[in-house]
Amino acid sequence: MTNTSLQTPVIGFTHNTSNDIEQIADKLHVQYLPPQGMSRASQLLPFLPFGSSTLWAWSRDGRFPCPIRLSNTMTAWRNADVIEWLSNQNPPISEGV
């Protein structure tokens, strides 16, 4: 008797796991926010449960990580800060479950 769960492909961890995750995300056509680096507002919005005006308001009042001003016309957020903020959010409670 064979165990079918042993035949399921497994993604192995390598020294370059970040590149592997990016390649898998490309194949699955999903968006991916890498844990390193920085992203601008337009790059973050697909991952956030709110829009642009809320992003800026919450960044100002401390409910969302503060952005870093890169130049007079460019502002970005540390991806690690955004990922941490997202992981600390409570999932919405579904009624009737």
PDB file of N, CA and C in Angstrom:
ATOM      1  N   MET A   1       0.852  -1.177   0.000  1.00  0.00           N
ATOM      2  CA  MET A   1       0.000   0.000   0.000  1.00  0.00           C
ATOM      3  C   MET A   1       0.896   1.237   0.000  1.00  0.00           C
ATOM      4  N   THR A   2       0.647   2.131  -0.943  1.00  0.00           N
ATOM      5  CA  THR A   2       1.449   3.347  -1.052  1.00  0.00           C
ATOM      6  C   THR A   2       0.713   4.532  -0.465  1.00  0.00           C
ATOM      7  N   ASN A   3       1.485   5.409   0.121  1.00  0.00           N
ATOM      8  CA  ASN A   3       0.938   6.631   0.705  1.00  0.00           C
ATOM      9  C   ASN A   3       0.999   7.727  -0.354  1.00  0.00           C
ATOM     10  N   THR A   4      -0.140   8.219  -0.806  1.00  0.00           N
ATOM     11  CA  THR A   4      -0.156   9.232  -1.860  1.00  0.00           C
ATOM     12  C   THR A   4       0.407  10.559  -1.401  1.00  0.00           C
ATOM     13  N   SER A   5       0.382  10.839  -0.091  1.00  0.00           N
ATOM     14  CA  SER A   5       0.915  12.115   0.377  1.00  0.00           C
ATOM     15  C   SER A   5       2.424  12.180   0.191  1.00  0.00           C
ATOM     16  N   LEU A   6       3.092  11.046   0.124  1.00  0.00           N
ATOM     17  CA  LEU A   6       4.537  11.037  -0.101  1.00  0.00           C
ATOM     18  C   LEU A   6       4.875  11.362  -1.547  1.00  0.00           C
ATOM     19  N   GLN A   7       3.922  11.233  -2.434  1.00  0.00           N
ATOM     20  CA  GLN A   7       4.155  11.494  -3.842  1.00  0.00           C
ATOM     21  C   GLN A   7       3.876  12.947  -4.217  1.00  0.00           C
ATOM     22  N   THR A   8       3.398  13.742  -3.273  1.00  0.00           N
ATOM     23  CA  THR A   8       3.114  15.143  -3.516  1.00  0.00           C
ATOM     24  C   THR A   8       4.419  15.911  -3.628  1.00  0.00           C
ATOM     25  N   PRO A   9       4.583  16.738  -4.667  1.00  0.00           N
ATOM     26  CA  PRO A   9       5.828  17.499  -4.786  1.00  0.00           C
ATOM     27  C   PRO A   9       6.009  18.461  -3.617  1.00  0.00           C
ATOM     28  N   VAL A  10       7.230  18.599  -3.199  1.00  0.00           N
ATOM     29  CA  VAL A  10       7.563  19.457  -2.078  1.00  0.00           C
ATOM     30  C   VAL A  10       8.557  20.500  -2.559  1.00  0.00           C
ATOM     31  N   ILE A  11       8.365  21.737  -2.127  1.00  0.00           N
ATOM     32  CA  ILE A  11       9.298  22.805  -2.463  1.00  0.00           C
ATOM     33  C   ILE A  11      10.397  22.781  -1.424  1.00  0.00           C
ATOM     34  N   GLY A  12      11.600  22.454  -1.841  1.00  0.00           N
ATOM     35  CA  GLY A  12      12.714  22.375  -0.918  1.00  0.00           C
ATOM     36  C   GLY A  12      13.308  23.749  -0.646  1.00  0.00           C
ATOM     37  N   PHE A  13      13.852  23.928   0.532  1.00  0.00           N
ATOM     38  CA  PHE A  13      14.507  25.181   0.876  1.00  0.00           C
ATOM     39  C   PHE A  13      15.944  25.141   0.390  1.00  0.00           C
ATOM     40  N   THR A  14      16.359  26.225  -0.216  1.00  0.00           N
ATOM     41  CA  THR A  14      17.723  26.340  -0.701  1.00  0.00           C
ATOM     42  C   THR A  14      18.318  27.612  -0.126  1.00  0.00           C
ATOM     43  N   HIS A  15      19.538  27.884  -0.499  1.00  0.00           N
ATOM     44  CA  HIS A  15      20.176  29.112  -0.038  1.00  0.00           C
ATOM     45  C   HIS A  15      19.527  30.332  -0.652  1.00  0.00           C
ATOM     46  N   ASN A  16      18.855  30.171  -1.767  1.00  0.00           N
ATOM     47  CA  ASN A  16      18.269  31.304  -2.477  1.00  0.00           C
ATOM     48  C   ASN A  16      16.749  31.172  -2.494  1.00  0.00           C
ATOM     49  N   THR A  17      16.147  31.020  -1.335  1.00  0.00           N
ATOM     50  CA  THR A  17      14.712  30.789  -1.210  1.00  0.00           C
ATOM     51  C   THR A  17      13.890  31.931  -1.790  1.00  0.00           C
ATOM     52  N   SER A  18      14.354  33.162  -1.660  1.00  0.00           N
ATOM     53  CA  SER A  18      13.611  34.312  -2.168  1.00  0.00           C
ATOM     54  C   SER A  18      13.389  34.204  -3.669  1.00  0.00           C
ATOM     55  N   ASN A  19      14.411  33.823  -4.412  1.00  0.00           N
ATOM     56  CA  ASN A  19      14.254  33.657  -5.857  1.00  0.00           C
ATOM     57  C   ASN A  19      13.300  32.527  -6.181  1.00  0.00           C
ATOM     58  N   ASP A  20      13.351  31.440  -5.407  1.00  0.00           N
ATOM     59  CA  ASP A  20      12.430  30.329  -5.628  1.00  0.00           C
ATOM     60  C   ASP A  20      10.992  30.778  -5.437  1.00  0.00           C
ATOM     61  N   ILE A  21      10.732  31.549  -4.390  1.00  0.00           N
ATOM     62  CA  ILE A  21       9.379  32.034  -4.122  1.00  0.00           C
ATOM     63  C   ILE A  21       8.912  32.926  -5.265  1.00  0.00           C
ATOM     64  N   GLU A  22       9.779  33.792  -5.754  1.00  0.00           N
ATOM     65  CA  GLU A  22       9.415  34.666  -6.871  1.00  0.00           C
ATOM     66  C   GLU A  22       9.080  33.859  -8.114  1.00  0.00           C
ATOM     67  N   GLN A  23       9.847  32.811  -8.392  1.00  0.00           N
ATOM     68  CA  GLN A  23       9.582  31.977  -9.567  1.00  0.00           C
ATOM     69  C   GLN A  23       8.252  31.245  -9.426  1.00  0.00           C
ATOM     70  N   ILE A  24       7.968  30.732  -8.232  1.00  0.00           N
ATOM     71  CA  ILE A  24       6.694  30.048  -7.999  1.00  0.00           C
ATOM     72  C   ILE A  24       5.541  31.029  -8.138  1.00  0.00           C
ATOM     73  N   ALA A  25       5.692  32.231  -7.600  1.00  0.00           N
ATOM     74  CA  ALA A  25       4.649  33.248  -7.708  1.00  0.00           C
ATOM     75  C   ALA A  25       4.393  33.601  -9.169  1.00  0.00           C
ATOM     76  N   ASP A  26       5.462  33.705  -9.968  1.00  0.00           N
ATOM     77  CA  ASP A  26       5.290  33.991 -11.394  1.00  0.00           C
ATOM     78  C   ASP A  26       4.526  32.874 -12.094  1.00  0.00           C
ATOM     79  N   LYS A  27       4.854  31.635 -11.779  1.00  0.00           N
ATOM     80  CA  LYS A  27       4.178  30.491 -12.407  1.00  0.00           C
ATOM     81  C   LYS A  27       2.706  30.439 -12.027  1.00  0.00           C
ATOM     82  N   LEU A  28       2.397  30.795 -10.789  1.00  0.00           N
ATOM     83  CA  LEU A  28       1.012  30.750 -10.318  1.00  0.00           C
ATOM     84  C   LEU A  28       0.250  32.025 -10.620  1.00  0.00           C
ATOM     85  N   HIS A  29       0.939  33.021 -11.173  1.00  0.00           N
ATOM     86  CA  HIS A  29       0.336  34.321 -11.503  1.00  0.00           C
ATOM     87  C   HIS A  29      -0.278  34.987 -10.275  1.00  0.00           C
ATOM     88  N   VAL A  30       0.469  34.971  -9.180  1.00  0.00           N
ATOM     89  CA  VAL A  30       0.035  35.646  -7.966  1.00  0.00           C
ATOM     90  C   VAL A  30       1.007  36.772  -7.651  1.00  0.00           C
ATOM     91  N   GLN A  31       0.521  37.766  -6.950  1.00  0.00           N
ATOM     92  CA  GLN A  31       1.377  38.873  -6.561  1.00  0.00           C
ATOM     93  C   GLN A  31       2.157  38.481  -5.325  1.00  0.00           C
ATOM     94  N   TYR A  32       3.371  39.003  -5.233  1.00  0.00           N
ATOM     95  CA  TYR A  32       4.265  38.620  -4.161  1.00  0.00           C
ATOM     96  C   TYR A  32       4.974  39.859  -3.644  1.00  0.00           C
ATOM     97  N   LEU A  33       4.958  40.044  -2.347  1.00  0.00           N
ATOM     98  CA  LEU A  33       5.667  41.153  -1.707  1.00  0.00           C
ATOM     99  C   LEU A  33       6.907  40.575  -1.040  1.00  0.00           C
ATOM    100  N   PRO A  34       8.093  40.808  -1.627  1.00  0.00           N
ATOM    101  CA  PRO A  34       9.301  40.227  -1.040  1.00  0.00           C
ATOM    102  C   PRO A  34       9.588  40.823   0.333  1.00  0.00           C
ATOM    103  N   PRO A  35      10.122  40.028   1.255  1.00  0.00           N
ATOM    104  CA  PRO A  35      10.366  40.532   2.609  1.00  0.00           C
ATOM    105  C   PRO A  35      11.494  41.561   2.679  1.00  0.00           C
ATOM    106  N   GLN A  36      12.366  41.569   1.725  1.00  0.00           N
ATOM    107  CA  GLN A  36      13.439  42.564   1.713  1.00  0.00           C
ATOM    108  C   GLN A  36      13.082  43.679   0.737  1.00  0.00           C
ATOM    109  N   GLY A  37      13.704  44.810   0.893  1.00  0.00           N
ATOM    110  CA  GLY A  37      13.482  45.917  -0.021  1.00  0.00           C
ATOM    111  C   GLY A  37      12.370  46.848   0.418  1.00  0.00           C
ATOM    112  N   MET A  38      12.012  47.741  -0.497  1.00  0.00           N
ATOM    113  CA  MET A  38      10.994  48.752  -0.220  1.00  0.00           C
ATOM    114  C   MET A  38      10.008  48.801  -1.383  1.00  0.00           C
ATOM    115  N   SER A  39       8.806  49.275  -1.092  1.00  0.00           N
ATOM    116  CA  SER A  39       7.761  49.395  -2.115  1.00  0.00           C
ATOM    117  C   SER A  39       7.065  50.732  -1.989  1.00  0.00           C
ATOM    118  N   ARG A  40       6.650  51.252  -3.129  1.00  0.00           N
ATOM    119  CA  ARG A  40       5.881  52.493  -3.139  1.00  0.00           C
ATOM    120  C   ARG A  40       4.407  52.178  -2.925  1.00  0.00           C
ATOM    121  N   ALA A  41       3.618  53.200  -2.715  1.00  0.00           N
ATOM    122  CA  ALA A  41       2.197  53.027  -2.400  1.00  0.00           C
ATOM    123  C   ALA A  41       1.481  52.196  -3.461  1.00  0.00           C
ATOM    124  N   SER A  42       1.722  52.482  -4.713  1.00  0.00           N
ATOM    125  CA  SER A  42       1.024  51.757  -5.787  1.00  0.00           C
ATOM    126  C   SER A  42       1.364  50.266  -5.784  1.00  0.00           C
ATOM    127  N   GLN A  43       2.548  49.915  -5.303  1.00  0.00           N
ATOM    128  CA  GLN A  43       2.945  48.515  -5.238  1.00  0.00           C
ATOM    129  C   GLN A  43       2.368  47.812  -4.011  1.00  0.00           C
ATOM    130  N   LEU A  44       2.074  48.583  -2.961  1.00  0.00           N
ATOM    131  CA  LEU A  44       1.530  48.011  -1.727  1.00  0.00           C
ATOM    132  C   LEU A  44       0.026  47.832  -1.757  1.00  0.00           C
ATOM    133  N   LEU A  45      -0.667  48.709  -2.435  1.00  0.00           N
ATOM    134  CA  LEU A  45      -2.133  48.722  -2.383  1.00  0.00           C
ATOM    135  C   LEU A  45      -2.795  47.384  -2.718  1.00  0.00           C
ATOM    136  N   PRO A  46      -2.272  46.576  -3.665  1.00  0.00           N
ATOM    137  CA  PRO A  46      -2.920  45.275  -3.908  1.00  0.00           C
ATOM    138  C   PRO A  46      -2.895  44.336  -2.709  1.00  0.00           C
ATOM    139  N   PHE A  47      -2.003  44.554  -1.762  1.00  0.00           N
ATOM    140  CA  PHE A  47      -1.883  43.685  -0.598  1.00  0.00           C
ATOM    141  C   PHE A  47      -2.647  44.207   0.612  1.00  0.00           C
ATOM    142  N   LEU A  48      -3.163  45.423   0.530  1.00  0.00           N
ATOM    143  CA  LEU A  48      -3.786  46.065   1.683  1.00  0.00           C
ATOM    144  C   LEU A  48      -5.308  46.046   1.580  1.00  0.00           C
ATOM    145  N   PRO A  49      -5.992  45.971   2.725  1.00  0.00           N
ATOM    146  CA  PRO A  49      -7.459  45.937   2.710  1.00  0.00           C
ATOM    147  C   PRO A  49      -8.097  47.319   2.680  1.00  0.00           C
ATOM    148  N   PHE A  50      -7.356  48.320   2.200  1.00  0.00           N
ATOM    149  CA  PHE A  50      -7.875  49.684   2.126  1.00  0.00           C
ATOM    150  C   PHE A  50      -7.205  50.398   0.966  1.00  0.00           C
ATOM    151  N   GLY A  51      -7.645  51.615   0.704  1.00  0.00           N
ATOM    152  CA  GLY A  51      -7.171  52.379  -0.442  1.00  0.00           C
ATOM    153  C   GLY A  51      -6.055  53.358  -0.109  1.00  0.00           C
ATOM    154  N   SER A  52      -5.726  54.156  -1.097  1.00  0.00           N
ATOM    155  CA  SER A  52      -4.604  55.084  -1.031  1.00  0.00           C
ATOM    156  C   SER A  52      -4.768  56.144   0.055  1.00  0.00           C
ATOM    157  N   SER A  53      -5.944  56.752   0.138  1.00  0.00           N
ATOM    158  CA  SER A  53      -6.123  57.816   1.136  1.00  0.00           C
ATOM    159  C   SER A  53      -6.011  57.273   2.559  1.00  0.00           C
ATOM    160  N   THR A  54      -6.507  56.060   2.797  1.00  0.00           N
ATOM    161  CA  THR A  54      -6.374  55.446   4.118  1.00  0.00           C
ATOM    162  C   THR A  54      -4.918  55.096   4.398  1.00  0.00           C
ATOM    163  N   LEU A  55      -4.198  54.640   3.399  1.00  0.00           N
ATOM    164  CA  LEU A  55      -2.773  54.337   3.563  1.00  0.00           C
ATOM    165  C   LEU A  55      -2.018  55.553   4.075  1.00  0.00           C
ATOM    166  N   TRP A  56      -2.240  56.693   3.445  1.00  0.00           N
ATOM    167  CA  TRP A  56      -1.531  57.908   3.854  1.00  0.00           C
ATOM    168  C   TRP A  56      -1.998  58.408   5.218  1.00  0.00           C
ATOM    169  N   ALA A  57      -3.305  58.365   5.470  1.00  0.00           N
ATOM    170  CA  ALA A  57      -3.829  58.820   6.764  1.00  0.00           C
ATOM    171  C   ALA A  57      -3.328  57.938   7.904  1.00  0.00           C
ATOM    172  N   TRP A  58      -3.389  56.621   7.731  1.00  0.00           N
ATOM    173  CA  TRP A  58      -2.939  55.707   8.772  1.00  0.00           C
ATOM    174  C   TRP A  58      -1.427  55.792   8.967  1.00  0.00           C
ATOM    175  N   SER A  59      -0.677  56.079   7.909  1.00  0.00           N
ATOM    176  CA  SER A  59       0.772  56.252   8.041  1.00  0.00           C
ATOM    177  C   SER A  59       1.086  57.495   8.870  1.00  0.00           C
ATOM    178  N   ARG A  60       0.278  58.542   8.678  1.00  0.00           N
ATOM    179  CA  ARG A  60       0.476  59.783   9.441  1.00  0.00           C
ATOM    180  C   ARG A  60       0.148  59.600  10.915  1.00  0.00           C
ATOM    181  N   ASP A  61      -0.954  58.888  11.218  1.00  0.00           N
ATOM    182  CA  ASP A  61      -1.371  58.799  12.624  1.00  0.00           C
ATOM    183  C   ASP A  61      -0.839  57.563  13.359  1.00  0.00           C
ATOM    184  N   GLY A  62       0.003  56.756  12.717  1.00  0.00           N
ATOM    185  CA  GLY A  62       0.672  55.655  13.396  1.00  0.00           C
ATOM    186  C   GLY A  62      -0.027  54.309  13.349  1.00  0.00           C
ATOM    187  N   ARG A  63      -1.172  54.215  12.678  1.00  0.00           N
ATOM    188  CA  ARG A  63      -1.856  52.925  12.587  1.00  0.00           C
ATOM    189  C   ARG A  63      -1.234  52.012  11.533  1.00  0.00           C
ATOM    190  N   PHE A  64      -0.362  52.535  10.703  1.00  0.00           N
ATOM    191  CA  PHE A  64       0.339  51.788   9.662  1.00  0.00           C
ATOM    192  C   PHE A  64       1.795  52.242   9.709  1.00  0.00           C
ATOM    193  N   PRO A  65       2.748  51.395   9.318  1.00  0.00           N
ATOM    194  CA  PRO A  65       4.161  51.810   9.362  1.00  0.00           C
ATOM    195  C   PRO A  65       4.413  53.111   8.604  1.00  0.00           C
ATOM    196  N   CYS A  66       5.345  53.888   9.119  1.00  0.00           N
ATOM    197  CA  CYS A  66       5.705  55.158   8.487  1.00  0.00           C
ATOM    198  C   CYS A  66       6.521  54.910   7.220  1.00  0.00           C
ATOM    199  N   PRO A  67       6.272  55.699   6.196  1.00  0.00           N
ATOM    200  CA  PRO A  67       7.080  55.574   4.983  1.00  0.00           C
ATOM    201  C   PRO A  67       8.428  56.256   5.159  1.00  0.00           C
ATOM    202  N   ILE A  68       9.328  55.950   4.253  1.00  0.00           N
ATOM    203  CA  ILE A  68      10.651  56.562   4.216  1.00  0.00           C
ATOM    204  C   ILE A  68      10.687  57.485   3.013  1.00  0.00           C
ATOM    205  N   ARG A  69      11.076  58.709   3.227  1.00  0.00           N
ATOM    206  CA  ARG A  69      11.171  59.668   2.116  1.00  0.00           C
ATOM    207  C   ARG A  69      12.521  59.461   1.422  1.00  0.00           C
ATOM    208  N   LEU A  70      12.484  58.998   0.175  1.00  0.00           N
ATOM    209  CA  LEU A  70      13.693  58.710  -0.581  1.00  0.00           C
ATOM    210  C   LEU A  70      14.211  59.927  -1.339  1.00  0.00           C
ATOM    211  N   SER A  71      13.313  60.804  -1.710  1.00  0.00           N
ATOM    212  CA  SER A  71      13.672  62.060  -2.372  1.00  0.00           C
ATOM    213  C   SER A  71      12.499  63.018  -2.198  1.00  0.00           C
ATOM    214  N   ASN A  72      12.563  64.171  -2.832  1.00  0.00           N
ATOM    215  CA  ASN A  72      11.455  65.134  -2.731  1.00  0.00           C
ATOM    216  C   ASN A  72      10.165  64.599  -3.330  1.00  0.00           C
ATOM    217  N   THR A  73      10.277  63.682  -4.269  1.00  0.00           N
ATOM    218  CA  THR A  73       9.082  63.187  -4.964  1.00  0.00           C
ATOM    219  C   THR A  73       8.850  61.693  -4.788  1.00  0.00           C
ATOM    220  N   MET A  74       9.662  61.012  -3.976  1.00  0.00           N
ATOM    221  CA  MET A  74       9.530  59.560  -3.852  1.00  0.00           C
ATOM    222  C   MET A  74       9.502  59.125  -2.392  1.00  0.00           C
ATOM    223  N   THR A  75       8.469  58.363  -2.061  1.00  0.00           N
ATOM    224  CA  THR A  75       8.289  57.825  -0.719  1.00  0.00           C
ATOM    225  C   THR A  75       8.037  56.328  -0.843  1.00  0.00           C
ATOM    226  N   ALA A  76       8.586  55.548   0.086  1.00  0.00           N
ATOM    227  CA  ALA A  76       8.399  54.094   0.047  1.00  0.00           C
ATOM    228  C   ALA A  76       8.323  53.544   1.466  1.00  0.00           C
ATOM    229  N   TRP A  77       7.781  52.346   1.578  1.00  0.00           N
ATOM    230  CA  TRP A  77       7.673  51.648   2.858  1.00  0.00           C
ATOM    231  C   TRP A  77       8.592  50.440   2.833  1.00  0.00           C
ATOM    232  N   ARG A  78       9.167  50.107   3.984  1.00  0.00           N
ATOM    233  CA  ARG A  78       9.964  48.883   4.094  1.00  0.00           C
ATOM    234  C   ARG A  78       9.009  47.693   4.006  1.00  0.00           C
ATOM    235  N   ASN A  79       9.294  46.780   3.093  1.00  0.00           N
ATOM    236  CA  ASN A  79       8.430  45.607   2.918  1.00  0.00           C
ATOM    237  C   ASN A  79       8.318  44.795   4.205  1.00  0.00           C
ATOM    238  N   ALA A  80       9.415  44.644   4.935  1.00  0.00           N
ATOM    239  CA  ALA A  80       9.385  43.868   6.184  1.00  0.00           C
ATOM    240  C   ALA A  80       8.406  44.485   7.185  1.00  0.00           C
ATOM    241  N   ASP A  81       8.358  45.815   7.254  1.00  0.00           N
ATOM    242  CA  ASP A  81       7.421  46.493   8.165  1.00  0.00           C
ATOM    243  C   ASP A  81       5.974  46.230   7.760  1.00  0.00           C
ATOM    244  N   VAL A  82       5.713  46.273   6.458  1.00  0.00           N
ATOM    245  CA  VAL A  82       4.349  46.052   5.957  1.00  0.00           C
ATOM    246  C   VAL A  82       3.927  44.606   6.183  1.00  0.00           C
ATOM    247  N   ILE A  83       4.820  43.666   5.916  1.00  0.00           N
ATOM    248  CA  ILE A  83       4.501  42.251   6.132  1.00  0.00           C
ATOM    249  C   ILE A  83       4.227  41.979   7.598  1.00  0.00           C
ATOM    250  N   GLU A  84       5.026  42.569   8.481  1.00  0.00           N
ATOM    251  CA  GLU A  84       4.803  42.409   9.919  1.00  0.00           C
ATOM    252  C   GLU A  84       3.449  42.997  10.320  1.00  0.00           C
ATOM    253  N   TRP A  85       3.113  44.180   9.790  1.00  0.00           N
ATOM    254  CA  TRP A  85       1.830  44.815  10.106  1.00  0.00           C
ATOM    255  C   TRP A  85       0.683  43.905   9.634  1.00  0.00           C
ATOM    256  N   LEU A  86       0.792  43.377   8.423  1.00  0.00           N
ATOM    257  CA  LEU A  86      -0.257  42.509   7.891  1.00  0.00           C
ATOM    258  C   LEU A  86      -0.416  41.246   8.732  1.00  0.00           C
ATOM    259  N   SER A  87       0.691  40.676   9.186  1.00  0.00           N
ATOM    260  CA  SER A  87       0.612  39.442   9.972  1.00  0.00           C
ATOM    261  C   SER A  87       0.036  39.684  11.367  1.00  0.00           C
ATOM    262  N   ASN A  88       0.107  40.919  11.854  1.00  0.00           N
ATOM    263  CA  ASN A  88      -0.431  41.240  13.177  1.00  0.00           C
ATOM    264  C   ASN A  88      -1.898  41.641  13.160  1.00  0.00           C
ATOM    265  N   GLN A  89      -2.502  41.734  11.988  1.00  0.00           N
ATOM    266  CA  GLN A  89      -3.907  42.118  11.896  1.00  0.00           C
ATOM    267  C   GLN A  89      -4.791  40.922  12.201  1.00  0.00           C
ATOM    268  N   ASN A  90      -5.863  41.154  12.944  1.00  0.00           N
ATOM    269  CA  ASN A  90      -6.805  40.095  13.238  1.00  0.00           C
ATOM    270  C   ASN A  90      -7.654  39.818  12.018  1.00  0.00           C
ATOM    271  N   PRO A  91      -7.881  38.549  11.689  1.00  0.00           N
ATOM    272  CA  PRO A  91      -8.747  38.250  10.548  1.00  0.00           C
ATOM    273  C   PRO A  91     -10.173  38.662  10.856  1.00  0.00           C
ATOM    274  N   PRO A  92     -10.918  39.099   9.848  1.00  0.00           N
ATOM    275  CA  PRO A  92     -12.315  39.489  10.093  1.00  0.00           C
ATOM    276  C   PRO A  92     -13.142  38.288  10.552  1.00  0.00           C
ATOM    277  N   ILE A  93     -14.076  38.530  11.440  1.00  0.00           N
ATOM    278  CA  ILE A  93     -14.945  37.467  11.939  1.00  0.00           C
ATOM    279  C   ILE A  93     -16.159  37.372  11.037  1.00  0.00           C
ATOM    280  N   SER A  94     -16.355  36.196  10.459  1.00  0.00           N
ATOM    281  CA  SER A  94     -17.505  35.978   9.571  1.00  0.00           C
ATOM    282  C   SER A  94     -18.732  35.676  10.413  1.00  0.00           C
ATOM    283  N   GLU A  95     -19.814  36.347  10.097  1.00  0.00           N
ATOM    284  CA  GLU A  95     -21.047  36.106  10.820  1.00  0.00           C
ATOM    285  C   GLU A  95     -21.733  34.872  10.259  1.00  0.00           C
ATOM    286  N   GLY A  96     -22.342  34.103  11.120  1.00  0.00           N
ATOM    287  CA  GLY A  96     -23.078  32.931  10.688  1.00  0.00           C
ATOM    288  C   GLY A  96     -22.194  31.710  10.498  1.00  0.00           C
ATOM    289  N   VAL A  97     -20.951  31.763  10.950  1.00  0.00           N
ATOM    290  CA  VAL A  97     -20.068  30.605  10.800  1.00  0.00           C
ATOM    291  C   VAL A  97     -20.120  29.765  12.035  1.00  0.00           C
TER     292      VAL A  97
END
